[in-house]
Amino acid sequence: NDECWTAIPIALAAGGARTTIRGTTAPATPSTTPVTCSASGRDVWYSFTLSSTQVVYVNTHGSSFDTLLATTSSCAIAPANCNDDACGTSQSELLMLLNAGTYYLLVDGAGTASGNFTINIERLTPGIRGSAVLPAGNSTQTGVLGYRWNCGSNMAGSCGGPGYEREEVLYYWTQCPAAAGGTLVATTCSSGTGGLNTVLYVRSGGTGTELGCNANMGAA
């Protein structure tokens, strides 16, 4: 997998759980596919296939050298997404909204760096009404949800029942490995939802498991 056209396919974990790949770039050679965000060092290629539009988060946290990550939808074109350093470290991460299809993932070394790497891939299906990155700190998000009952949804929590499987919006965020963590507080109370009976659902991108679900608490 020293070149894009010899990329090793990755079987993504089912249910939204994290997929982890480990390897080394030490015996590899620089790729002939141009990379935009840094000089190309020793690198290897992988590929993954999405059956539908997905929010995809890829990182190299846990690697032993200064990594670079890039993705492209074709070996014939330069990677459109590229990252060198993230989270104040020499590791890399990409957060992308990708349509259905096959994508090629480059694990490179910044400059001439090489060594043992770890790739973590997480993915979520966007809401029927779309998706957006949730900013750090306090924020207010607004939008419009449809009133069609039992129209189906891209994701659903354990609360609310079948009648709550309607249009949804997905908000997502990432957290750096060294982050201390914190408490998430989300509410639709006093938000002018009128007769809309809302559901809030939180899921881990790392495990795919539900962290919280609420259908009725006070006003919503």
N, C-alpha and C. Protein backbone atom coordinates (compact mmCIF):
# COMPACT_ATOMS: atom_id res chain seq x y z
N ASN A 1 0.83 -1.22 0.00
CA ASN A 1 0.00 0.00 0.00
C ASN A 1 0.86 1.27 0.00
N ASP A 2 1.95 1.22 -0.74
CA ASP A 2 2.88 2.34 -0.81
C ASP A 2 2.40 3.43 -1.77
N GLU A 3 1.42 3.11 -2.61
CA GLU A 3 0.84 4.07 -3.54
C GLU A 3 -0.69 4.02 -3.43
N CYS A 4 -1.34 5.08 -3.88
CA CYS A 4 -2.80 5.17 -3.76
C CYS A 4 -3.50 3.98 -4.41
N TRP A 5 -3.04 3.57 -5.59
CA TRP A 5 -3.72 2.50 -6.32
C TRP A 5 -3.48 1.11 -5.71
N THR A 6 -2.63 1.03 -4.69
CA THR A 6 -2.45 -0.24 -3.97
C THR A 6 -2.98 -0.12 -2.54
N ALA A 7 -3.89 0.82 -2.31
CA ALA A 7 -4.45 1.06 -0.97
C ALA A 7 -5.11 -0.19 -0.41
N ILE A 8 -4.92 -0.42 0.89
CA ILE A 8 -5.54 -1.55 1.58
C ILE A 8 -6.94 -1.15 2.04
N PRO A 9 -7.99 -1.90 1.66
CA PRO A 9 -9.35 -1.56 2.10
C PRO A 9 -9.52 -1.75 3.60
N ILE A 10 -10.21 -0.81 4.23
CA ILE A 10 -10.53 -0.89 5.65
C ILE A 10 -11.99 -1.30 5.79
N ALA A 11 -12.26 -2.34 6.57
CA ALA A 11 -13.63 -2.73 6.89
C ALA A 11 -14.08 -1.92 8.10
N LEU A 12 -14.94 -0.94 7.88
CA LEU A 12 -15.38 -0.07 8.97
C LEU A 12 -16.28 -0.82 9.94
N ALA A 13 -16.10 -0.57 11.22
CA ALA A 13 -16.89 -1.24 12.25
C ALA A 13 -18.37 -0.88 12.11
N ALA A 14 -19.22 -1.83 12.40
CA ALA A 14 -20.67 -1.62 12.30
C ALA A 14 -21.17 -0.83 13.50
N GLY A 15 -22.34 -0.23 13.33
CA GLY A 15 -23.00 0.44 14.43
C GLY A 15 -22.37 1.75 14.87
N GLY A 16 -21.49 2.31 14.05
CA GLY A 16 -20.88 3.58 14.40
C GLY A 16 -19.71 3.48 15.36
N ALA A 17 -19.28 2.26 15.70
CA ALA A 17 -18.15 2.10 16.62
C ALA A 17 -16.85 2.50 15.94
N ARG A 18 -15.87 2.86 16.74
CA ARG A 18 -14.57 3.28 16.22
C ARG A 18 -13.85 2.12 15.53
N THR A 19 -13.20 2.43 14.41
CA THR A 19 -12.33 1.48 13.72
C THR A 19 -10.89 1.94 13.94
N THR A 20 -10.02 1.04 14.41
CA THR A 20 -8.63 1.38 14.69
C THR A 20 -7.70 0.51 13.85
N ILE A 21 -6.75 1.16 13.17
CA ILE A 21 -5.75 0.48 12.36
C ILE A 21 -4.37 0.89 12.87
N ARG A 22 -3.46 -0.08 12.98
CA ARG A 22 -2.09 0.22 13.39
C ARG A 22 -1.11 -0.31 12.37
N GLY A 23 -0.01 0.42 12.20
CA GLY A 23 0.99 0.00 11.23
C GLY A 23 2.22 0.86 11.34
N THR A 24 3.06 0.85 10.31
CA THR A 24 4.28 1.64 10.29
C THR A 24 4.55 2.16 8.90
N THR A 25 5.14 3.34 8.84
CA THR A 25 5.55 3.90 7.55
C THR A 25 7.06 3.74 7.33
N ALA A 26 7.75 3.14 8.30
CA ALA A 26 9.22 3.08 8.26
C ALA A 26 9.77 2.46 6.98
N PRO A 27 9.20 1.35 6.48
CA PRO A 27 9.78 0.76 5.26
C PRO A 27 9.21 1.34 3.96
N ALA A 28 8.27 2.28 4.06
CA ALA A 28 7.60 2.81 2.87
C ALA A 28 8.46 3.88 2.18
N THR A 29 8.01 4.30 1.02
CA THR A 29 8.67 5.37 0.27
C THR A 29 7.68 6.51 0.05
N PRO A 30 8.14 7.72 -0.26
CA PRO A 30 7.23 8.83 -0.52
C PRO A 30 6.31 8.54 -1.69
N SER A 31 5.06 8.94 -1.56
CA SER A 31 4.07 8.69 -2.60
C SER A 31 4.27 9.63 -3.78
N THR A 32 3.86 9.16 -4.97
CA THR A 32 3.93 10.02 -6.16
C THR A 32 2.70 10.91 -6.28
N THR A 33 1.64 10.63 -5.49
CA THR A 33 0.46 11.49 -5.48
C THR A 33 0.78 12.76 -4.69
N PRO A 34 0.60 13.96 -5.27
CA PRO A 34 0.97 15.19 -4.56
C PRO A 34 0.08 15.44 -3.35
N VAL A 35 0.70 15.93 -2.27
CA VAL A 35 0.00 16.28 -1.04
C VAL A 35 0.23 17.76 -0.77
N THR A 36 -0.83 18.47 -0.38
CA THR A 36 -0.76 19.93 -0.34
C THR A 36 -0.31 20.52 0.98
N CYS A 37 -0.52 19.84 2.12
CA CYS A 37 -0.32 20.53 3.40
C CYS A 37 1.07 20.33 3.99
N SER A 38 1.94 19.54 3.36
CA SER A 38 3.29 19.38 3.86
C SER A 38 4.11 18.62 2.83
N ALA A 39 5.43 18.71 2.96
CA ALA A 39 6.29 17.90 2.11
C ALA A 39 6.02 16.42 2.39
N SER A 40 5.99 15.60 1.36
CA SER A 40 5.65 14.20 1.51
C SER A 40 6.83 13.39 2.00
N GLY A 41 6.62 12.66 3.10
CA GLY A 41 7.63 11.75 3.61
C GLY A 41 7.25 10.31 3.26
N ARG A 42 7.72 9.37 4.04
CA ARG A 42 7.33 7.97 3.85
C ARG A 42 5.85 7.84 4.18
N ASP A 43 5.09 7.16 3.33
CA ASP A 43 3.65 7.13 3.54
C ASP A 43 3.03 5.81 3.08
N VAL A 44 1.81 5.56 3.58
CA VAL A 44 1.03 4.39 3.17
C VAL A 44 -0.40 4.83 2.91
N TRP A 45 -1.12 4.01 2.16
CA TRP A 45 -2.49 4.32 1.75
C TRP A 45 -3.48 3.25 2.21
N TYR A 46 -4.66 3.72 2.60
CA TYR A 46 -5.79 2.84 2.90
C TYR A 46 -7.02 3.38 2.16
N SER A 47 -8.05 2.57 2.07
CA SER A 47 -9.30 3.04 1.47
C SER A 47 -10.47 2.58 2.32
N PHE A 48 -11.57 3.31 2.25
CA PHE A 48 -12.81 2.89 2.92
C PHE A 48 -13.99 3.31 2.06
N THR A 49 -15.08 2.60 2.20
CA THR A 49 -16.26 2.84 1.38
C THR A 49 -17.47 3.15 2.26
N LEU A 50 -18.20 4.21 1.90
CA LEU A 50 -19.41 4.61 2.61
C LEU A 50 -20.61 4.29 1.74
N SER A 51 -21.64 3.69 2.33
CA SER A 51 -22.85 3.35 1.58
C SER A 51 -23.85 4.50 1.56
N SER A 52 -23.61 5.52 2.39
CA SER A 52 -24.49 6.69 2.45
C SER A 52 -23.66 7.88 2.92
N THR A 53 -24.23 9.08 2.88
CA THR A 53 -23.55 10.27 3.38
C THR A 53 -23.25 10.11 4.87
N GLN A 54 -22.01 10.42 5.27
CA GLN A 54 -21.58 10.23 6.65
C GLN A 54 -20.72 11.41 7.12
N VAL A 55 -20.82 11.72 8.41
CA VAL A 55 -19.84 12.57 9.06
C VAL A 55 -18.70 11.65 9.49
N VAL A 56 -17.49 11.90 9.00
CA VAL A 56 -16.35 11.01 9.24
C VAL A 56 -15.25 11.77 9.98
N TYR A 57 -14.78 11.20 11.07
CA TYR A 57 -13.70 11.77 11.87
C TYR A 57 -12.55 10.78 11.88
N VAL A 58 -11.37 11.23 11.41
CA VAL A 58 -10.18 10.39 11.36
C VAL A 58 -9.06 11.08 12.12
N ASN A 59 -8.32 10.35 12.94
CA ASN A 59 -7.17 10.93 13.62
C ASN A 59 -6.04 9.91 13.75
N THR A 60 -4.85 10.43 14.05
CA THR A 60 -3.68 9.57 14.28
C THR A 60 -3.18 9.69 15.72
N HIS A 61 -4.05 10.07 16.64
CA HIS A 61 -3.65 10.18 18.05
C HIS A 61 -3.15 8.83 18.56
N GLY A 62 -2.00 8.84 19.19
CA GLY A 62 -1.36 7.61 19.65
C GLY A 62 -0.21 7.17 18.77
N SER A 63 0.05 7.91 17.67
CA SER A 63 1.17 7.58 16.79
C SER A 63 2.48 8.05 17.41
N SER A 64 3.60 7.51 16.92
CA SER A 64 4.91 7.78 17.53
C SER A 64 5.71 8.85 16.81
N PHE A 65 5.14 9.48 15.76
CA PHE A 65 5.91 10.47 15.00
C PHE A 65 4.99 11.58 14.51
N ASP A 66 5.57 12.57 13.88
CA ASP A 66 4.83 13.73 13.38
C ASP A 66 4.08 13.32 12.10
N THR A 67 2.79 13.08 12.24
CA THR A 67 2.01 12.52 11.13
C THR A 67 1.35 13.60 10.27
N LEU A 68 0.86 13.14 9.15
CA LEU A 68 0.05 13.95 8.25
C LEU A 68 -1.05 13.05 7.71
N LEU A 69 -2.28 13.56 7.66
CA LEU A 69 -3.42 12.81 7.12
C LEU A 69 -3.99 13.53 5.92
N ALA A 70 -4.42 12.77 4.92
CA ALA A 70 -5.07 13.36 3.76
C ALA A 70 -6.03 12.35 3.16
N THR A 71 -7.09 12.84 2.52
CA THR A 71 -8.03 11.96 1.83
C THR A 71 -8.31 12.50 0.44
N THR A 72 -8.66 11.58 -0.45
CA THR A 72 -9.06 11.93 -1.80
C THR A 72 -10.09 10.92 -2.28
N SER A 73 -10.93 11.33 -3.22
CA SER A 73 -11.94 10.42 -3.77
C SER A 73 -11.43 9.71 -5.02
N SER A 74 -10.21 10.04 -5.46
CA SER A 74 -9.64 9.43 -6.65
C SER A 74 -8.13 9.50 -6.59
N CYS A 75 -7.46 8.43 -7.00
CA CYS A 75 -6.00 8.41 -7.03
C CYS A 75 -5.45 9.35 -8.11
N ALA A 76 -6.33 9.83 -8.98
CA ALA A 76 -5.89 10.69 -10.08
C ALA A 76 -5.82 12.16 -9.68
N ILE A 77 -6.33 12.51 -8.48
CA ILE A 77 -6.35 13.91 -8.07
C ILE A 77 -5.70 14.06 -6.70
N ALA A 78 -5.17 15.25 -6.44
CA ALA A 78 -4.53 15.52 -5.15
C ALA A 78 -5.58 15.51 -4.04
N PRO A 79 -5.21 15.08 -2.83
CA PRO A 79 -6.16 15.05 -1.71
C PRO A 79 -6.79 16.42 -1.45
N ALA A 80 -8.12 16.41 -1.28
CA ALA A 80 -8.85 17.66 -1.02
C ALA A 80 -8.82 18.02 0.46
N ASN A 81 -8.70 17.02 1.32
CA ASN A 81 -8.66 17.25 2.77
C ASN A 81 -7.28 16.85 3.28
N CYS A 82 -6.63 17.73 4.02
CA CYS A 82 -5.27 17.47 4.48
C CYS A 82 -5.03 18.17 5.81
N ASN A 83 -4.37 17.48 6.75
CA ASN A 83 -4.06 18.08 8.04
C ASN A 83 -2.72 17.57 8.55
N ASP A 84 -1.93 18.48 9.10
CA ASP A 84 -0.63 18.13 9.65
C ASP A 84 -0.72 17.97 11.16
N ASP A 85 -0.93 19.07 11.88
CA ASP A 85 -0.94 19.03 13.35
C ASP A 85 -2.31 19.42 13.89
N ALA A 86 -2.74 18.74 14.95
CA ALA A 86 -4.04 19.02 15.57
C ALA A 86 -3.92 18.89 17.08
N CYS A 87 -4.78 19.58 17.81
CA CYS A 87 -4.86 19.48 19.27
C CYS A 87 -3.56 19.87 19.96
N GLY A 88 -2.76 20.73 19.33
CA GLY A 88 -1.51 21.14 19.94
C GLY A 88 -0.47 20.04 19.98
N THR A 89 -0.64 19.01 19.14
CA THR A 89 0.29 17.88 19.09
C THR A 89 0.85 17.76 17.68
N SER A 90 1.71 16.78 17.47
CA SER A 90 2.24 16.51 16.14
C SER A 90 1.41 15.45 15.42
N GLN A 91 0.28 15.04 16.02
CA GLN A 91 -0.64 14.12 15.36
C GLN A 91 -1.67 14.90 14.53
N SER A 92 -2.44 14.18 13.74
CA SER A 92 -3.32 14.81 12.75
C SER A 92 -4.76 14.34 12.92
N GLU A 93 -5.70 15.15 12.42
CA GLU A 93 -7.10 14.73 12.41
C GLU A 93 -7.85 15.43 11.28
N LEU A 94 -8.89 14.76 10.80
CA LEU A 94 -9.77 15.28 9.76
C LEU A 94 -11.21 15.07 10.20
N LEU A 95 -12.04 16.08 10.02
CA LEU A 95 -13.47 15.99 10.30
C LEU A 95 -14.19 16.40 9.03
N MET A 96 -14.91 15.46 8.40
CA MET A 96 -15.42 15.68 7.05
C MET A 96 -16.86 15.19 6.93
N LEU A 97 -17.63 15.84 6.06
CA LEU A 97 -18.93 15.35 5.64
C LEU A 97 -18.74 14.77 4.24
N LEU A 98 -18.87 13.44 4.11
CA LEU A 98 -18.56 12.76 2.86
C LEU A 98 -19.80 12.08 2.29
N ASN A 99 -19.98 12.18 1.00
CA ASN A 99 -21.06 11.48 0.31
C ASN A 99 -20.72 10.00 0.18
N ALA A 100 -21.71 9.21 -0.21
CA ALA A 100 -21.48 7.78 -0.44
C ALA A 100 -20.40 7.60 -1.50
N GLY A 101 -19.55 6.60 -1.32
CA GLY A 101 -18.49 6.35 -2.28
C GLY A 101 -17.25 5.80 -1.61
N THR A 102 -16.20 5.61 -2.39
CA THR A 102 -14.92 5.11 -1.88
C THR A 102 -13.93 6.25 -1.76
N TYR A 103 -13.20 6.26 -0.65
CA TYR A 103 -12.23 7.32 -0.37
C TYR A 103 -10.88 6.68 -0.04
N TYR A 104 -9.82 7.41 -0.39
CA TYR A 104 -8.46 6.93 -0.18
C TYR A 104 -7.80 7.79 0.90
N LEU A 105 -7.23 7.12 1.89
CA LEU A 105 -6.68 7.77 3.07
C LEU A 105 -5.17 7.62 3.09
N LEU A 106 -4.47 8.74 3.14
CA LEU A 106 -3.01 8.76 3.18
C LEU A 106 -2.53 9.01 4.60
N VAL A 107 -1.63 8.16 5.08
CA VAL A 107 -0.94 8.37 6.36
C VAL A 107 0.51 8.67 6.01
N ASP A 108 0.92 9.90 6.29
CA ASP A 108 2.22 10.39 5.84
C ASP A 108 3.00 10.91 7.04
N GLY A 109 4.27 11.21 6.81
CA GLY A 109 5.09 11.86 7.81
C GLY A 109 5.39 13.28 7.39
N ALA A 110 5.26 14.21 8.32
CA ALA A 110 5.59 15.60 8.01
C ALA A 110 7.09 15.69 7.74
N GLY A 111 7.46 16.29 6.61
CA GLY A 111 8.87 16.31 6.25
C GLY A 111 9.36 14.91 5.96
N THR A 112 10.35 14.46 6.72
CA THR A 112 10.91 13.12 6.53
C THR A 112 10.54 12.18 7.67
N ALA A 113 9.62 12.57 8.53
CA ALA A 113 9.26 11.76 9.71
C ALA A 113 8.61 10.45 9.30
N SER A 114 8.86 9.40 10.05
CA SER A 114 8.23 8.10 9.82
C SER A 114 8.24 7.32 11.13
N GLY A 115 7.44 6.24 11.17
CA GLY A 115 7.39 5.42 12.38
C GLY A 115 6.09 4.68 12.51
N ASN A 116 5.76 4.28 13.73
CA ASN A 116 4.55 3.53 14.00
C ASN A 116 3.35 4.47 14.12
N PHE A 117 2.24 4.11 13.50
CA PHE A 117 1.07 4.98 13.52
C PHE A 117 -0.17 4.24 14.02
N THR A 118 -1.13 5.02 14.49
CA THR A 118 -2.46 4.55 14.85
C THR A 118 -3.47 5.40 14.10
N ILE A 119 -4.41 4.77 13.42
CA ILE A 119 -5.50 5.48 12.75
C ILE A 119 -6.80 5.13 13.46
N ASN A 120 -7.55 6.14 13.87
CA ASN A 120 -8.87 5.96 14.46
C ASN A 120 -9.90 6.59 13.53
N ILE A 121 -10.93 5.83 13.18
CA ILE A 121 -11.98 6.32 12.30
C ILE A 121 -13.33 6.18 13.00
N GLU A 122 -14.06 7.29 13.09
CA GLU A 122 -15.41 7.29 13.65
C GLU A 122 -16.35 7.91 12.62
N ARG A 123 -17.62 7.49 12.63
CA ARG A 123 -18.56 8.03 11.65
C ARG A 123 -19.98 8.03 12.20
N LEU A 124 -20.76 8.99 11.73
CA LEU A 124 -22.15 9.14 12.11
C LEU A 124 -22.97 9.51 10.88
N THR A 125 -24.21 9.10 10.86
CA THR A 125 -25.12 9.48 9.79
C THR A 125 -25.73 10.84 10.10
N PRO A 126 -25.69 11.80 9.16
CA PRO A 126 -26.29 13.12 9.42
C PRO A 126 -27.80 13.01 9.61
N GLY A 127 -28.37 14.02 10.25
CA GLY A 127 -29.82 14.07 10.38
C GLY A 127 -30.48 14.33 9.04
N ILE A 128 -31.74 13.97 8.93
CA ILE A 128 -32.49 14.20 7.69
C ILE A 128 -32.51 15.69 7.37
N ARG A 129 -32.55 16.53 8.40
CA ARG A 129 -32.54 17.98 8.21
C ARG A 129 -31.13 18.57 8.23
N GLY A 130 -30.11 17.71 8.20
CA GLY A 130 -28.75 18.21 8.09
C GLY A 130 -27.92 17.98 9.33
N SER A 131 -26.72 18.57 9.31
CA SER A 131 -25.78 18.42 10.42
C SER A 131 -24.90 19.65 10.48
N ALA A 132 -24.28 19.86 11.65
CA ALA A 132 -23.40 21.01 11.84
C ALA A 132 -22.47 20.75 13.01
N VAL A 133 -21.29 21.36 12.96
CA VAL A 133 -20.35 21.27 14.08
C VAL A 133 -20.87 22.11 15.24
N LEU A 134 -20.87 21.53 16.44
CA LEU A 134 -21.29 22.26 17.64
C LEU A 134 -20.08 23.00 18.19
N PRO A 135 -20.13 24.33 18.28
CA PRO A 135 -18.96 25.08 18.76
C PRO A 135 -18.72 24.84 20.25
N ALA A 136 -17.48 25.08 20.66
CA ALA A 136 -17.13 24.94 22.08
C ALA A 136 -17.80 26.03 22.90
N GLY A 137 -18.08 25.73 24.16
CA GLY A 137 -18.70 26.72 25.04
C GLY A 137 -20.20 26.77 24.89
N ASN A 138 -20.81 27.81 25.42
CA ASN A 138 -22.26 27.97 25.35
C ASN A 138 -22.68 28.46 23.98
N SER A 139 -23.76 27.93 23.47
CA SER A 139 -24.26 28.37 22.17
C SER A 139 -25.74 28.07 22.07
N THR A 140 -26.41 28.76 21.14
CA THR A 140 -27.81 28.51 20.83
C THR A 140 -27.90 28.13 19.37
N GLN A 141 -28.52 26.99 19.11
CA GLN A 141 -28.68 26.51 17.74
C GLN A 141 -30.15 26.57 17.36
N THR A 142 -30.43 27.00 16.15
CA THR A 142 -31.81 27.09 15.69
C THR A 142 -31.98 26.33 14.38
N GLY A 143 -33.21 25.94 14.10
CA GLY A 143 -33.51 25.22 12.87
C GLY A 143 -34.97 24.92 12.77
N VAL A 144 -35.33 24.16 11.76
CA VAL A 144 -36.73 23.78 11.52
C VAL A 144 -36.80 22.28 11.32
N LEU A 145 -37.72 21.65 12.03
CA LEU A 145 -37.98 20.23 11.88
C LEU A 145 -39.35 20.03 11.28
N GLY A 146 -39.48 18.99 10.46
CA GLY A 146 -40.77 18.70 9.85
C GLY A 146 -41.73 18.08 10.86
N TYR A 147 -43.01 18.12 10.54
CA TYR A 147 -44.05 17.59 11.43
C TYR A 147 -44.59 16.25 10.94
N ARG A 148 -43.84 15.60 10.04
CA ARG A 148 -44.35 14.34 9.49
C ARG A 148 -44.09 13.20 10.48
N TRP A 149 -45.13 12.59 10.97
CA TRP A 149 -45.01 11.49 11.92
C TRP A 149 -44.62 10.21 11.19
N ASN A 150 -43.79 9.41 11.87
CA ASN A 150 -43.39 8.10 11.36
C ASN A 150 -42.82 8.19 9.94
N CYS A 151 -42.10 9.28 9.65
CA CYS A 151 -41.51 9.42 8.32
C CYS A 151 -40.16 8.72 8.25
N GLY A 152 -39.71 8.16 9.37
CA GLY A 152 -38.39 7.56 9.41
C GLY A 152 -37.36 8.58 9.84
N SER A 153 -36.22 8.10 10.32
CA SER A 153 -35.15 8.99 10.75
C SER A 153 -33.83 8.28 10.53
N ASN A 154 -32.74 9.04 10.49
CA ASN A 154 -31.42 8.46 10.30
C ASN A 154 -30.85 7.91 11.60
N MET A 155 -31.35 8.36 12.72
CA MET A 155 -30.92 7.82 14.01
C MET A 155 -32.03 8.06 15.03
N ALA A 156 -32.08 7.23 16.03
CA ALA A 156 -33.10 7.37 17.06
C ALA A 156 -32.57 6.85 18.38
N GLY A 157 -33.03 7.45 19.46
CA GLY A 157 -32.61 7.03 20.78
C GLY A 157 -33.58 6.02 21.38
N SER A 158 -33.35 5.68 22.63
CA SER A 158 -34.17 4.68 23.30
C SER A 158 -35.46 5.26 23.84
N CYS A 159 -35.59 6.60 23.84
CA CYS A 159 -36.78 7.23 24.40
C CYS A 159 -37.63 7.83 23.29
N GLY A 160 -38.90 8.08 23.59
CA GLY A 160 -39.78 8.76 22.64
C GLY A 160 -40.74 7.85 21.92
N GLY A 161 -40.32 6.61 21.64
CA GLY A 161 -41.22 5.68 20.97
C GLY A 161 -41.22 5.84 19.47
N PRO A 162 -41.92 4.94 18.75
CA PRO A 162 -41.93 4.96 17.28
C PRO A 162 -42.42 6.28 16.69
N GLY A 163 -43.34 6.94 17.35
CA GLY A 163 -43.90 8.18 16.82
C GLY A 163 -42.90 9.32 16.76
N TYR A 164 -41.74 9.16 17.42
CA TYR A 164 -40.73 10.20 17.44
C TYR A 164 -39.69 10.03 16.34
N GLU A 165 -39.85 9.02 15.49
CA GLU A 165 -38.91 8.78 14.41
C GLU A 165 -39.24 9.70 13.24
N ARG A 166 -38.92 10.95 13.41
CA ARG A 166 -39.19 11.97 12.41
C ARG A 166 -37.89 12.69 12.07
N GLU A 167 -37.99 13.76 11.31
CA GLU A 167 -36.82 14.49 10.88
C GLU A 167 -35.99 14.99 12.06
N GLU A 168 -34.66 14.94 11.89
CA GLU A 168 -33.77 15.37 12.96
C GLU A 168 -32.60 16.16 12.40
N VAL A 169 -31.92 16.87 13.30
CA VAL A 169 -30.68 17.57 12.98
C VAL A 169 -29.58 16.99 13.86
N LEU A 170 -28.43 16.72 13.27
CA LEU A 170 -27.28 16.20 14.01
C LEU A 170 -26.28 17.32 14.27
N TYR A 171 -25.91 17.50 15.55
CA TYR A 171 -24.82 18.39 15.93
C TYR A 171 -23.69 17.52 16.48
N TYR A 172 -22.47 17.78 16.05
CA TYR A 172 -21.36 16.92 16.45
C TYR A 172 -20.14 17.76 16.82
N TRP A 173 -19.25 17.16 17.62
CA TRP A 173 -18.02 17.83 18.03
C TRP A 173 -16.97 16.78 18.34
N THR A 174 -15.71 17.20 18.38
CA THR A 174 -14.62 16.31 18.75
C THR A 174 -13.93 16.87 19.99
N GLN A 175 -13.18 15.99 20.65
CA GLN A 175 -12.47 16.37 21.88
C GLN A 175 -11.04 15.86 21.81
N CYS A 176 -10.08 16.72 22.09
CA CYS A 176 -8.67 16.35 22.04
C CYS A 176 -8.35 15.35 23.15
N PRO A 177 -7.37 14.46 22.93
CA PRO A 177 -7.04 13.44 23.94
C PRO A 177 -6.68 14.01 25.30
N ALA A 178 -6.03 15.18 25.34
CA ALA A 178 -5.60 15.76 26.61
C ALA A 178 -6.68 16.58 27.30
N ALA A 179 -7.86 16.69 26.67
CA ALA A 179 -8.93 17.50 27.25
C ALA A 179 -9.40 16.90 28.57
N ALA A 180 -9.75 17.78 29.52
CA ALA A 180 -10.17 17.33 30.85
C ALA A 180 -11.58 16.79 30.85
N GLY A 181 -12.33 17.00 29.78
CA GLY A 181 -13.72 16.57 29.76
C GLY A 181 -14.62 17.61 30.39
N GLY A 182 -15.87 17.29 30.56
CA GLY A 182 -16.80 18.25 31.14
C GLY A 182 -18.21 17.72 31.10
N THR A 183 -19.16 18.60 31.27
CA THR A 183 -20.58 18.24 31.31
C THR A 183 -21.31 18.89 30.14
N LEU A 184 -22.08 18.10 29.43
CA LEU A 184 -22.91 18.62 28.35
C LEU A 184 -24.31 18.88 28.88
N VAL A 185 -24.79 20.09 28.72
CA VAL A 185 -26.16 20.45 29.07
C VAL A 185 -26.85 20.94 27.81
N ALA A 186 -27.91 20.28 27.41
CA ALA A 186 -28.66 20.67 26.22
C ALA A 186 -30.14 20.68 26.55
N THR A 187 -30.86 21.70 26.09
CA THR A 187 -32.29 21.80 26.37
C THR A 187 -33.01 22.46 25.22
N THR A 188 -34.26 22.07 25.02
CA THR A 188 -35.14 22.76 24.06
C THR A 188 -36.22 23.53 24.81
N CYS A 189 -36.10 23.62 26.13
CA CYS A 189 -37.07 24.38 26.93
C CYS A 189 -36.99 25.86 26.60
N SER A 190 -38.16 26.51 26.57
CA SER A 190 -38.24 27.95 26.29
C SER A 190 -37.60 28.32 24.97
N SER A 191 -37.67 27.41 23.99
CA SER A 191 -37.03 27.68 22.72
C SER A 191 -38.03 28.02 21.62
N GLY A 192 -39.28 28.21 22.01
CA GLY A 192 -40.27 28.56 21.00
C GLY A 192 -40.63 27.41 20.09
N THR A 193 -40.57 26.18 20.62
CA THR A 193 -40.89 25.02 19.79
C THR A 193 -42.39 24.85 19.57
N GLY A 194 -43.19 25.63 20.26
CA GLY A 194 -44.63 25.56 20.06
C GLY A 194 -45.16 24.18 20.37
N GLY A 195 -45.90 23.60 19.41
CA GLY A 195 -46.48 22.29 19.64
C GLY A 195 -45.56 21.15 19.29
N LEU A 196 -44.31 21.43 18.94
CA LEU A 196 -43.37 20.37 18.58
C LEU A 196 -42.84 19.68 19.83
N ASN A 197 -43.09 18.40 19.94
CA ASN A 197 -42.63 17.61 21.06
C ASN A 197 -41.24 17.07 20.72
N THR A 198 -40.21 17.63 21.32
CA THR A 198 -38.84 17.34 20.90
C THR A 198 -38.23 16.16 21.66
N VAL A 199 -37.15 15.60 21.07
CA VAL A 199 -36.35 14.55 21.69
C VAL A 199 -34.89 14.95 21.55
N LEU A 200 -34.14 14.83 22.62
CA LEU A 200 -32.70 15.04 22.60
C LEU A 200 -32.00 13.70 22.82
N TYR A 201 -31.03 13.43 21.97
CA TYR A 201 -30.36 12.12 21.98
C TYR A 201 -28.87 12.35 21.81
N VAL A 202 -28.04 11.78 22.72
CA VAL A 202 -26.59 11.92 22.67
C VAL A 202 -25.96 10.55 22.49
N ARG A 203 -25.04 10.47 21.54
CA ARG A 203 -24.40 9.19 21.23
C ARG A 203 -22.89 9.38 21.12
N SER A 204 -22.12 8.38 21.54
CA SER A 204 -20.67 8.42 21.45
C SER A 204 -20.23 8.08 20.04
N GLY A 205 -19.36 8.93 19.46
CA GLY A 205 -18.79 8.61 18.17
C GLY A 205 -17.74 7.52 18.26
N GLY A 206 -17.19 7.31 19.45
CA GLY A 206 -16.15 6.30 19.62
C GLY A 206 -16.68 4.89 19.75
N THR A 207 -17.84 4.74 20.40
CA THR A 207 -18.39 3.40 20.64
C THR A 207 -19.73 3.18 19.95
N GLY A 208 -20.40 4.26 19.55
CA GLY A 208 -21.72 4.13 18.97
C GLY A 208 -22.81 3.95 19.99
N THR A 209 -22.47 3.95 21.29
CA THR A 209 -23.46 3.71 22.33
C THR A 209 -24.18 4.99 22.72
N GLU A 210 -25.39 4.84 23.20
CA GLU A 210 -26.19 5.97 23.67
C GLU A 210 -25.67 6.45 25.01
N LEU A 211 -25.50 7.78 25.13
CA LEU A 211 -25.06 8.38 26.39
C LEU A 211 -26.20 9.04 27.13
N GLY A 212 -27.26 9.37 26.43
CA GLY A 212 -28.40 10.01 27.07
C GLY A 212 -29.52 10.20 26.07
N CYS A 213 -30.77 10.15 26.56
CA CYS A 213 -31.95 10.35 25.71
C CYS A 213 -33.07 10.90 26.57
N ASN A 214 -33.71 11.97 26.10
CA ASN A 214 -34.84 12.56 26.85
C ASN A 214 -35.91 13.02 25.90
N ALA A 215 -37.16 12.63 26.18
CA ALA A 215 -38.28 13.00 25.33
C ALA A 215 -39.14 14.07 25.99
N ASN A 216 -39.32 14.01 27.27
CA ASN A 216 -40.17 14.97 27.96
C ASN A 216 -39.61 15.31 29.33
N MET A 217 -39.11 16.53 29.46
CA MET A 217 -38.63 17.02 30.75
C MET A 217 -39.03 18.47 30.85
N GLY A 218 -40.03 18.74 31.64
CA GLY A 218 -40.56 20.10 31.72
C GLY A 218 -41.28 20.45 30.42
N ALA A 219 -40.82 21.49 29.74
CA ALA A 219 -41.48 21.93 28.51
C ALA A 219 -41.16 21.06 27.32
N ALA A 220 -40.03 20.31 27.37
CA ALA A 220 -39.67 19.49 26.22
C ALA A 220 -38.87 18.28 26.65
